[in-house]
Amino acid sequence: MKKILVLILVLSVVSLCGCTTTQKGAGVGALGGAGLGAIIGHQSGHTAEGAAIGAAVGGLGGALIGEQMDRKFCPTCGKQFPSDVQFCPTCGTKLEWKQ
């Protein structure tokens, strides 16, 4: 049980201090998944295993969602690009953050 509490503490720190939206999404997803997994696992007598599986699945899902939120788009041609691209390679327009 102490391992789960340490895992939850570490994931909460990462989710609050992560640099990118992808990292924050992974941290929050893992935290939520661990909680739900622990509840579901407790019903079958496998609390720690449920928390670990829930954290892994939640972390992956949160990272995927966070990655999609951390994108830019070209207001002229409408194409989407990763967050590190500053100008549209097609038309040269400055990219804006996707909302």
PDB file of N, CA and C in Angstrom:
ATOM      1  N   MET A   1       0.821  -1.192   0.000  1.00  0.00           N
ATOM      2  CA  MET A   1       0.000   0.000   0.000  1.00  0.00           C
ATOM      3  C   MET A   1       0.868   1.261   0.000  1.00  0.00           C
ATOM      4  N   LYS A   2       2.036   1.193   0.685  1.00  0.00           N
ATOM      5  CA  LYS A   2       2.919   2.354   0.720  1.00  0.00           C
ATOM      6  C   LYS A   2       3.491   2.640  -0.659  1.00  0.00           C
ATOM      7  N   LYS A   3       3.720   1.592  -1.449  1.00  0.00           N
ATOM      8  CA  LYS A   3       4.236   1.788  -2.802  1.00  0.00           C
ATOM      9  C   LYS A   3       3.234   2.548  -3.659  1.00  0.00           C
ATOM     10  N   ILE A   4       1.969   2.256  -3.479  1.00  0.00           N
ATOM     11  CA  ILE A   4       0.930   2.942  -4.245  1.00  0.00           C
ATOM     12  C   ILE A   4       0.879   4.418  -3.866  1.00  0.00           C
ATOM     13  N   LEU A   5       0.974   4.704  -2.576  1.00  0.00           N
ATOM     14  CA  LEU A   5       0.959   6.094  -2.139  1.00  0.00           C
ATOM     15  C   LEU A   5       2.157   6.871  -2.669  1.00  0.00           C
ATOM     16  N   VAL A   6       3.323   6.245  -2.693  1.00  0.00           N
ATOM     17  CA  VAL A   6       4.517   6.890  -3.240  1.00  0.00           C
ATOM     18  C   VAL A   6       4.340   7.116  -4.730  1.00  0.00           C
ATOM     19  N   LEU A   7       3.793   6.126  -5.430  1.00  0.00           N
ATOM     20  CA  LEU A   7       3.542   6.269  -6.866  1.00  0.00           C
ATOM     21  C   LEU A   7       2.573   7.407  -7.141  1.00  0.00           C
ATOM     22  N   ILE A   8       1.517   7.485  -6.376  1.00  0.00           N
ATOM     23  CA  ILE A   8       0.541   8.559  -6.552  1.00  0.00           C
ATOM     24  C   ILE A   8       1.175   9.917  -6.267  1.00  0.00           C
ATOM     25  N   LEU A   9       1.996   9.997  -5.243  1.00  0.00           N
ATOM     26  CA  LEU A   9       2.677  11.255  -4.920  1.00  0.00           C
ATOM     27  C   LEU A   9       3.604  11.686  -6.051  1.00  0.00           C
ATOM     28  N   VAL A  10       4.385  10.750  -6.562  1.00  0.00           N
ATOM     29  CA  VAL A  10       5.313  11.063  -7.653  1.00  0.00           C
ATOM     30  C   VAL A  10       4.545  11.501  -8.894  1.00  0.00           C
ATOM     31  N   LEU A  11       3.488  10.791  -9.233  1.00  0.00           N
ATOM     32  CA  LEU A  11       2.706  11.150 -10.418  1.00  0.00           C
ATOM     33  C   LEU A  11       2.019  12.499 -10.264  1.00  0.00           C
ATOM     34  N   SER A  12       1.574  12.825  -9.068  1.00  0.00           N
ATOM     35  CA  SER A  12       0.940  14.127  -8.871  1.00  0.00           C
ATOM     36  C   SER A  12       1.949  15.263  -9.019  1.00  0.00           C
ATOM     37  N   VAL A  13       3.169  15.064  -8.542  1.00  0.00           N
ATOM     38  CA  VAL A  13       4.215  16.082  -8.714  1.00  0.00           C
ATOM     39  C   VAL A  13       4.534  16.260 -10.190  1.00  0.00           C
ATOM     40  N   VAL A  14       4.656  15.153 -10.924  1.00  0.00           N
ATOM     41  CA  VAL A  14       4.948  15.228 -12.355  1.00  0.00           C
ATOM     42  C   VAL A  14       3.814  15.922 -13.095  1.00  0.00           C
ATOM     43  N   SER A  15       2.571  15.614 -12.717  1.00  0.00           N
ATOM     44  CA  SER A  15       1.449  16.221 -13.420  1.00  0.00           C
ATOM     45  C   SER A  15       1.363  17.722 -13.177  1.00  0.00           C
ATOM     46  N   LEU A  16       1.804  18.171 -12.025  1.00  0.00           N
ATOM     47  CA  LEU A  16       1.747  19.599 -11.733  1.00  0.00           C
ATOM     48  C   LEU A  16       2.958  20.361 -12.261  1.00  0.00           C
ATOM     49  N   CYS A  17       4.094  19.693 -12.414  1.00  0.00           N
ATOM     50  CA  CYS A  17       5.323  20.366 -12.798  1.00  0.00           C
ATOM     51  C   CYS A  17       5.812  19.987 -14.192  1.00  0.00           C
ATOM     52  N   GLY A  18       5.079  19.204 -14.944  1.00  0.00           N
ATOM     53  CA  GLY A  18       5.504  18.779 -16.274  1.00  0.00           C
ATOM     54  C   GLY A  18       5.671  19.965 -17.195  1.00  0.00           C
ATOM     55  N   CYS A  19       6.617  19.861 -18.092  1.00  0.00           N
ATOM     56  CA  CYS A  19       6.931  20.976 -18.977  1.00  0.00           C
ATOM     57  C   CYS A  19       5.937  21.112 -20.125  1.00  0.00           C
ATOM     58  N   THR A  20       5.475  20.012 -20.658  1.00  0.00           N
ATOM     59  CA  THR A  20       4.614  20.079 -21.832  1.00  0.00           C
ATOM     60  C   THR A  20       3.221  19.573 -21.505  1.00  0.00           C
ATOM     61  N   THR A  21       2.308  19.852 -22.405  1.00  0.00           N
ATOM     62  CA  THR A  21       0.944  19.370 -22.254  1.00  0.00           C
ATOM     63  C   THR A  21       0.908  17.850 -22.295  1.00  0.00           C
ATOM     64  N   THR A  22       1.783  17.247 -23.090  1.00  0.00           N
ATOM     65  CA  THR A  22       1.842  15.790 -23.174  1.00  0.00           C
ATOM     66  C   THR A  22       2.246  15.193 -21.834  1.00  0.00           C
ATOM     67  N   GLN A  23       3.239  15.767 -21.186  1.00  0.00           N
ATOM     68  CA  GLN A  23       3.680  15.262 -19.887  1.00  0.00           C
ATOM     69  C   GLN A  23       2.610  15.460 -18.825  1.00  0.00           C
ATOM     70  N   LYS A  24       1.961  16.599 -18.831  1.00  0.00           N
ATOM     71  CA  LYS A  24       0.892  16.840 -17.870  1.00  0.00           C
ATOM     72  C   LYS A  24      -0.268  15.878 -18.097  1.00  0.00           C
ATOM     73  N   GLY A  25      -0.617  15.647 -19.356  1.00  0.00           N
ATOM     74  CA  GLY A  25      -1.689  14.706 -19.670  1.00  0.00           C
ATOM     75  C   GLY A  25      -1.356  13.306 -19.209  1.00  0.00           C
ATOM     76  N   ALA A  26      -0.108  12.891 -19.404  1.00  0.00           N
ATOM     77  CA  ALA A  26       0.316  11.558 -18.966  1.00  0.00           C
ATOM     78  C   ALA A  26       0.255  11.445 -17.447  1.00  0.00           C
ATOM     79  N   GLY A  27       0.690  12.462 -16.746  1.00  0.00           N
ATOM     80  CA  GLY A  27       0.665  12.433 -15.283  1.00  0.00           C
ATOM     81  C   GLY A  27      -0.739  12.386 -14.718  1.00  0.00           C
ATOM     82  N   VAL A  28      -1.609  13.226 -15.242  1.00  0.00           N
ATOM     83  CA  VAL A  28      -2.988  13.252 -14.765  1.00  0.00           C
ATOM     84  C   VAL A  28      -3.702  11.945 -15.135  1.00  0.00           C
ATOM     85  N   GLY A  29      -3.466  11.459 -16.353  1.00  0.00           N
ATOM     86  CA  GLY A  29      -4.077  10.196 -16.771  1.00  0.00           C
ATOM     87  C   GLY A  29      -3.619   9.028 -15.922  1.00  0.00           C
ATOM     88  N   ALA A  30      -2.331   8.981 -15.614  1.00  0.00           N
ATOM     89  CA  ALA A  30      -1.798   7.902 -14.777  1.00  0.00           C
ATOM     90  C   ALA A  30      -2.359   7.978 -13.369  1.00  0.00           C
ATOM     91  N   LEU A  31      -2.479   9.178 -12.857  1.00  0.00           N
ATOM     92  CA  LEU A  31      -3.017   9.358 -11.512  1.00  0.00           C
ATOM     93  C   LEU A  31      -4.471   8.894 -11.435  1.00  0.00           C
ATOM     94  N   GLY A  32      -5.267   9.329 -12.394  1.00  0.00           N
ATOM     95  CA  GLY A  32      -6.675   8.910 -12.430  1.00  0.00           C
ATOM     96  C   GLY A  32      -6.814   7.419 -12.680  1.00  0.00           C
ATOM     97  N   GLY A  33      -6.004   6.888 -13.597  1.00  0.00           N
ATOM     98  CA  GLY A  33      -6.044   5.459 -13.891  1.00  0.00           C
ATOM     99  C   GLY A  33      -5.641   4.613 -12.702  1.00  0.00           C
ATOM    100  N   ALA A  34      -4.635   5.075 -11.954  1.00  0.00           N
ATOM    101  CA  ALA A  34      -4.208   4.334 -10.767  1.00  0.00           C
ATOM    102  C   ALA A  34      -5.319   4.292  -9.729  1.00  0.00           C
ATOM    103  N   GLY A  35      -5.997   5.403  -9.551  1.00  0.00           N
ATOM    104  CA  GLY A  35      -7.100   5.438  -8.585  1.00  0.00           C
ATOM    105  C   GLY A  35      -8.230   4.511  -8.979  1.00  0.00           C
ATOM    106  N   LEU A  36      -8.642   4.602 -10.237  1.00  0.00           N
ATOM    107  CA  LEU A  36      -9.725   3.727 -10.700  1.00  0.00           C
ATOM    108  C   LEU A  36      -9.301   2.263 -10.707  1.00  0.00           C
ATOM    109  N   GLY A  37      -8.060   2.005 -11.123  1.00  0.00           N
ATOM    110  CA  GLY A  37      -7.559   0.633 -11.121  1.00  0.00           C
ATOM    111  C   GLY A  37      -7.496   0.048  -9.729  1.00  0.00           C
ATOM    112  N   ALA A  38      -7.128   0.866  -8.746  1.00  0.00           N
ATOM    113  CA  ALA A  38      -7.078   0.395  -7.364  1.00  0.00           C
ATOM    114  C   ALA A  38      -8.471   0.051  -6.853  1.00  0.00           C
ATOM    115  N   ILE A  39      -9.440   0.873  -7.202  1.00  0.00           N
ATOM    116  CA  ILE A  39     -10.817   0.601  -6.779  1.00  0.00           C
ATOM    117  C   ILE A  39     -11.328  -0.688  -7.412  1.00  0.00           C
ATOM    118  N   ILE A  40     -11.123  -0.831  -8.716  1.00  0.00           N
ATOM    119  CA  ILE A  40     -11.582  -2.034  -9.406  1.00  0.00           C
ATOM    120  C   ILE A  40     -10.810  -3.257  -8.928  1.00  0.00           C
ATOM    121  N   GLY A  41      -9.494  -3.124  -8.763  1.00  0.00           N
ATOM    122  CA  GLY A  41      -8.683  -4.239  -8.291  1.00  0.00           C
ATOM    123  C   GLY A  41      -9.022  -4.661  -6.874  1.00  0.00           C
ATOM    124  N   HIS A  42      -9.429  -3.709  -6.052  1.00  0.00           N
ATOM    125  CA  HIS A  42      -9.798  -4.019  -4.669  1.00  0.00           C
ATOM    126  C   HIS A  42     -10.991  -4.963  -4.616  1.00  0.00           C
ATOM    127  N   GLN A  43     -11.897  -4.825  -5.572  1.00  0.00           N
ATOM    128  CA  GLN A  43     -13.076  -5.687  -5.603  1.00  0.00           C
ATOM    129  C   GLN A  43     -12.719  -7.152  -5.813  1.00  0.00           C
ATOM    130  N   SER A  44     -11.604  -7.399  -6.511  1.00  0.00           N
ATOM    131  CA  SER A  44     -11.185  -8.780  -6.750  1.00  0.00           C
ATOM    132  C   SER A  44     -10.004  -9.194  -5.874  1.00  0.00           C
ATOM    133  N   GLY A  45      -9.593  -8.335  -4.943  1.00  0.00           N
ATOM    134  CA  GLY A  45      -8.507  -8.659  -4.039  1.00  0.00           C
ATOM    135  C   GLY A  45      -7.123  -8.391  -4.601  1.00  0.00           C
ATOM    136  N   HIS A  46      -7.023  -7.617  -5.670  1.00  0.00           N
ATOM    137  CA  HIS A  46      -5.738  -7.312  -6.306  1.00  0.00           C
ATOM    138  C   HIS A  46      -5.593  -5.795  -6.469  1.00  0.00           C
ATOM    139  N   THR A  47      -5.553  -5.101  -5.359  1.00  0.00           N
ATOM    140  CA  THR A  47      -5.518  -3.638  -5.381  1.00  0.00           C
ATOM    141  C   THR A  47      -4.271  -3.096  -6.069  1.00  0.00           C
ATOM    142  N   ALA A  48      -3.107  -3.600  -5.715  1.00  0.00           N
ATOM    143  CA  ALA A  48      -1.853  -3.082  -6.266  1.00  0.00           C
ATOM    144  C   ALA A  48      -1.749  -3.357  -7.761  1.00  0.00           C
ATOM    145  N   GLU A  49      -2.136  -4.561  -8.184  1.00  0.00           N
ATOM    146  CA  GLU A  49      -2.071  -4.881  -9.616  1.00  0.00           C
ATOM    147  C   GLU A  49      -3.037  -4.006 -10.412  1.00  0.00           C
ATOM    148  N   GLY A  50      -4.229  -3.795  -9.865  1.00  0.00           N
ATOM    149  CA  GLY A  50      -5.200  -2.934 -10.537  1.00  0.00           C
ATOM    150  C   GLY A  50      -4.703  -1.510 -10.665  1.00  0.00           C
ATOM    151  N   ALA A  51      -4.058  -1.010  -9.605  1.00  0.00           N
ATOM    152  CA  ALA A  51      -3.521   0.354  -9.639  1.00  0.00           C
ATOM    153  C   ALA A  51      -2.411   0.473 -10.669  1.00  0.00           C
ATOM    154  N   ALA A  52      -1.550  -0.528 -10.746  1.00  0.00           N
ATOM    155  CA  ALA A  52      -0.440  -0.484 -11.707  1.00  0.00           C
ATOM    156  C   ALA A  52      -0.955  -0.524 -13.145  1.00  0.00           C
ATOM    157  N   ILE A  53      -1.891  -1.406 -13.405  1.00  0.00           N
ATOM    158  CA  ILE A  53      -2.450  -1.497 -14.762  1.00  0.00           C
ATOM    159  C   ILE A  53      -3.207  -0.222 -15.106  1.00  0.00           C
ATOM    160  N   GLY A  54      -3.982   0.291 -14.164  1.00  0.00           N
ATOM    161  CA  GLY A  54      -4.718   1.529 -14.392  1.00  0.00           C
ATOM    162  C   GLY A  54      -3.807   2.715 -14.649  1.00  0.00           C
ATOM    163  N   ALA A  55      -2.689   2.776 -13.916  1.00  0.00           N
ATOM    164  CA  ALA A  55      -1.732   3.872 -14.103  1.00  0.00           C
ATOM    165  C   ALA A  55      -1.097   3.808 -15.488  1.00  0.00           C
ATOM    166  N   ALA A  56      -0.759   2.596 -15.927  1.00  0.00           N
ATOM    167  CA  ALA A  56      -0.144   2.451 -17.251  1.00  0.00           C
ATOM    168  C   ALA A  56      -1.113   2.847 -18.360  1.00  0.00           C
ATOM    169  N   VAL A  57      -2.330   2.348 -18.286  1.00  0.00           N
ATOM    170  CA  VAL A  57      -3.321   2.660 -19.320  1.00  0.00           C
ATOM    171  C   VAL A  57      -3.704   4.139 -19.283  1.00  0.00           C
ATOM    172  N   GLY A  58      -3.912   4.667 -18.084  1.00  0.00           N
ATOM    173  CA  GLY A  58      -4.253   6.085 -17.949  1.00  0.00           C
ATOM    174  C   GLY A  58      -3.135   6.999 -18.410  1.00  0.00           C
ATOM    175  N   GLY A  59      -1.894   6.621 -18.121  1.00  0.00           N
ATOM    176  CA  GLY A  59      -0.752   7.429 -18.560  1.00  0.00           C
ATOM    177  C   GLY A  59      -0.636   7.477 -20.071  1.00  0.00           C
ATOM    178  N   LEU A  60      -0.814   6.337 -20.714  1.00  0.00           N
ATOM    179  CA  LEU A  60      -0.757   6.313 -22.180  1.00  0.00           C
ATOM    180  C   LEU A  60      -1.892   7.130 -22.790  1.00  0.00           C
ATOM    181  N   GLY A  61      -3.083   6.956 -22.270  1.00  0.00           N
ATOM    182  CA  GLY A  61      -4.224   7.715 -22.786  1.00  0.00           C
ATOM    183  C   GLY A  61      -4.060   9.207 -22.573  1.00  0.00           C
ATOM    184  N   GLY A  62      -3.610   9.590 -21.388  1.00  0.00           N
ATOM    185  CA  GLY A  62      -3.395  11.006 -21.097  1.00  0.00           C
ATOM    186  C   GLY A  62      -2.317  11.625 -21.970  1.00  0.00           C
ATOM    187  N   ALA A  63      -1.262  10.853 -22.246  1.00  0.00           N
ATOM    188  CA  ALA A  63      -0.189  11.350 -23.110  1.00  0.00           C
ATOM    189  C   ALA A  63      -0.698  11.574 -24.534  1.00  0.00           C
ATOM    190  N   LEU A  64      -1.515  10.664 -25.025  1.00  0.00           N
ATOM    191  CA  LEU A  64      -2.062  10.820 -26.377  1.00  0.00           C
ATOM    192  C   LEU A  64      -2.971  12.040 -26.470  1.00  0.00           C
ATOM    193  N   ILE A  65      -3.793  12.237 -25.473  1.00  0.00           N
ATOM    194  CA  ILE A  65      -4.676  13.403 -25.468  1.00  0.00           C
ATOM    195  C   ILE A  65      -3.860  14.686 -25.336  1.00  0.00           C
ATOM    196  N   GLY A  66      -2.882  14.692 -24.442  1.00  0.00           N
ATOM    197  CA  GLY A  66      -2.038  15.873 -24.252  1.00  0.00           C
ATOM    198  C   GLY A  66      -1.260  16.229 -25.504  1.00  0.00           C
ATOM    199  N   GLU A  67      -0.804  15.213 -26.240  1.00  0.00           N
ATOM    200  CA  GLU A  67      -0.061  15.460 -27.470  1.00  0.00           C
ATOM    201  C   GLU A  67      -0.936  16.146 -28.517  1.00  0.00           C
ATOM    202  N   GLN A  68      -2.193  15.765 -28.596  1.00  0.00           N
ATOM    203  CA  GLN A  68      -3.096  16.380 -29.559  1.00  0.00           C
ATOM    204  C   GLN A  68      -3.435  17.822 -29.182  1.00  0.00           C
ATOM    205  N   MET A  69      -3.382  18.123 -27.899  1.00  0.00           N
ATOM    206  CA  MET A  69      -3.668  19.490 -27.459  1.00  0.00           C
ATOM    207  C   MET A  69      -2.479  20.415 -27.667  1.00  0.00           C
ATOM    208  N   ASP A  70      -1.285  19.863 -27.793  1.00  0.00           N
ATOM    209  CA  ASP A  70      -0.055  20.643 -27.894  1.00  0.00           C
ATOM    210  C   ASP A  70       0.348  20.794 -29.363  1.00  0.00           C
ATOM    211  N   ARG A  71      -0.531  21.370 -30.174  1.00  0.00           N
ATOM    212  CA  ARG A  71      -0.283  21.496 -31.599  1.00  0.00           C
ATOM    213  C   ARG A  71      -0.556  22.932 -32.052  1.00  0.00           C
ATOM    214  N   LYS A  72       0.032  23.285 -33.192  1.00  0.00           N
ATOM    215  CA  LYS A  72      -0.200  24.584 -33.804  1.00  0.00           C
ATOM    216  C   LYS A  72      -0.852  24.384 -35.168  1.00  0.00           C
ATOM    217  N   PHE A  73      -1.480  25.439 -35.673  1.00  0.00           N
ATOM    218  CA  PHE A  73      -2.092  25.363 -36.990  1.00  0.00           C
ATOM    219  C   PHE A  73      -1.807  26.641 -37.778  1.00  0.00           C
ATOM    220  N   CYS A  74      -1.912  26.519 -39.093  1.00  0.00           N
ATOM    221  CA  CYS A  74      -1.726  27.669 -39.974  1.00  0.00           C
ATOM    222  C   CYS A  74      -3.083  28.317 -40.223  1.00  0.00           C
ATOM    223  N   PRO A  75      -3.249  29.605 -39.880  1.00  0.00           N
ATOM    224  CA  PRO A  75      -4.536  30.260 -40.104  1.00  0.00           C
ATOM    225  C   PRO A  75      -4.847  30.463 -41.590  1.00  0.00           C
ATOM    226  N   THR A  76      -3.822  30.385 -42.453  1.00  0.00           N
ATOM    227  CA  THR A  76      -4.045  30.592 -43.884  1.00  0.00           C
ATOM    228  C   THR A  76      -4.488  29.306 -44.574  1.00  0.00           C
ATOM    229  N   CYS A  77      -3.722  28.225 -44.411  1.00  0.00           N
ATOM    230  CA  CYS A  77      -4.051  26.984 -45.127  1.00  0.00           C
ATOM    231  C   CYS A  77      -4.708  25.928 -44.246  1.00  0.00           C
ATOM    232  N   GLY A  78      -4.715  26.115 -42.919  1.00  0.00           N
ATOM    233  CA  GLY A  78      -5.412  25.220 -42.014  1.00  0.00           C
ATOM    234  C   GLY A  78      -4.676  23.945 -41.626  1.00  0.00           C
ATOM    235  N   LYS A  79      -3.446  23.758 -42.073  1.00  0.00           N
ATOM    236  CA  LYS A  79      -2.695  22.550 -41.733  1.00  0.00           C
ATOM    237  C   LYS A  79      -2.214  22.619 -40.286  1.00  0.00           C
ATOM    238  N   GLN A  80      -2.057  21.439 -39.654  1.00  0.00           N
ATOM    239  CA  GLN A  80      -1.592  21.360 -38.274  1.00  0.00           C
ATOM    240  C   GLN A  80      -0.146  20.893 -38.223  1.00  0.00           C
ATOM    241  N   PHE A  81       0.572  21.387 -37.197  1.00  0.00           N
ATOM    242  CA  PHE A  81       1.996  21.080 -37.047  1.00  0.00           C
ATOM    243  C   PHE A  81       2.324  20.870 -35.568  1.00  0.00           C
ATOM    244  N   PRO A  82       3.456  20.202 -35.280  1.00  0.00           N
ATOM    245  CA  PRO A  82       3.905  20.065 -33.884  1.00  0.00           C
ATOM    246  C   PRO A  82       4.215  21.433 -33.284  1.00  0.00           C
ATOM    247  N   SER A  83       4.282  21.483 -31.962  1.00  0.00           N
ATOM    248  CA  SER A  83       4.441  22.762 -31.267  1.00  0.00           C
ATOM    249  C   SER A  83       5.785  23.437 -31.506  1.00  0.00           C
ATOM    250  N   ASP A  84       6.800  22.695 -31.963  1.00  0.00           N
ATOM    251  CA  ASP A  84       8.112  23.313 -32.160  1.00  0.00           C
ATOM    252  C   ASP A  84       8.249  24.034 -33.493  1.00  0.00           C
ATOM    253  N   VAL A  85       7.298  23.884 -34.398  1.00  0.00           N
ATOM    254  CA  VAL A  85       7.342  24.566 -35.699  1.00  0.00           C
ATOM    255  C   VAL A  85       6.778  25.974 -35.520  1.00  0.00           C
ATOM    256  N   GLN A  86       7.487  26.984 -36.023  1.00  0.00           N
ATOM    257  CA  GLN A  86       7.079  28.376 -35.840  1.00  0.00           C
ATOM    258  C   GLN A  86       6.311  28.942 -37.036  1.00  0.00           C
ATOM    259  N   PHE A  87       6.709  28.545 -38.266  1.00  0.00           N
ATOM    260  CA  PHE A  87       6.098  29.072 -39.479  1.00  0.00           C
ATOM    261  C   PHE A  87       5.655  27.931 -40.379  1.00  0.00           C
ATOM    262  N   CYS A  88       4.592  28.159 -41.124  1.00  0.00           N
ATOM    263  CA  CYS A  88       4.057  27.148 -42.034  1.00  0.00           C
ATOM    264  C   CYS A  88       5.060  26.898 -43.158  1.00  0.00           C
ATOM    265  N   PRO A  89       5.469  25.638 -43.376  1.00  0.00           N
ATOM    266  CA  PRO A  89       6.417  25.343 -44.436  1.00  0.00           C
ATOM    267  C   PRO A  89       5.827  25.556 -45.835  1.00  0.00           C
ATOM    268  N   THR A  90       4.505  25.541 -45.944  1.00  0.00           N
ATOM    269  CA  THR A  90       3.850  25.701 -47.243  1.00  0.00           C
ATOM    270  C   THR A  90       3.731  27.161 -47.662  1.00  0.00           C
ATOM    271  N   CYS A  91       3.209  28.003 -46.748  1.00  0.00           N
ATOM    272  CA  CYS A  91       2.933  29.393 -47.141  1.00  0.00           C
ATOM    273  C   CYS A  91       3.721  30.423 -46.335  1.00  0.00           C
ATOM    274  N   GLY A  92       4.446  30.016 -45.305  1.00  0.00           N
ATOM    275  CA  GLY A  92       5.281  30.943 -44.549  1.00  0.00           C
ATOM    276  C   GLY A  92       4.571  31.735 -43.477  1.00  0.00           C
ATOM    277  N   THR A  93       3.283  31.502 -43.263  1.00  0.00           N
ATOM    278  CA  THR A  93       2.516  32.237 -42.260  1.00  0.00           C
ATOM    279  C   THR A  93       2.921  31.788 -40.855  1.00  0.00           C
ATOM    280  N   LYS A  94       2.942  32.731 -39.907  1.00  0.00           N
ATOM    281  CA  LYS A  94       3.257  32.387 -38.530  1.00  0.00           C
ATOM    282  C   LYS A  94       2.129  31.512 -37.964  1.00  0.00           C
ATOM    283  N   LEU A  95       2.517  30.390 -37.345  1.00  0.00           N
ATOM    284  CA  LEU A  95       1.535  29.444 -36.812  1.00  0.00           C
ATOM    285  C   LEU A  95       0.951  29.941 -35.496  1.00  0.00           C
ATOM    286  N   GLU A  96      -0.296  29.521 -35.234  1.00  0.00           N
ATOM    287  CA  GLU A  96      -0.984  29.860 -33.996  1.00  0.00           C
ATOM    288  C   GLU A  96      -1.287  28.586 -33.215  1.00  0.00           C
ATOM    289  N   TRP A  97      -1.482  28.731 -31.911  1.00  0.00           N
ATOM    290  CA  TRP A  97      -1.791  27.576 -31.081  1.00  0.00           C
ATOM    291  C   TRP A  97      -3.210  27.106 -31.335  1.00  0.00           C
ATOM    292  N   LYS A  98      -3.382  25.795 -31.375  1.00  0.00           N
ATOM    293  CA  LYS A  98      -4.699  25.197 -31.545  1.00  0.00           C
ATOM    294  C   LYS A  98      -5.439  25.305 -30.224  1.00  0.00           C
ATOM    295  N   GLN A  99      -6.686  25.732 -30.267  1.00  0.00           N
ATOM    296  CA  GLN A  99      -7.462  25.898 -29.029  1.00  0.00           C
ATOM    297  C   GLN A  99      -8.549  24.869 -28.948  1.00  0.00           C
TER     298      GLN A  99
END
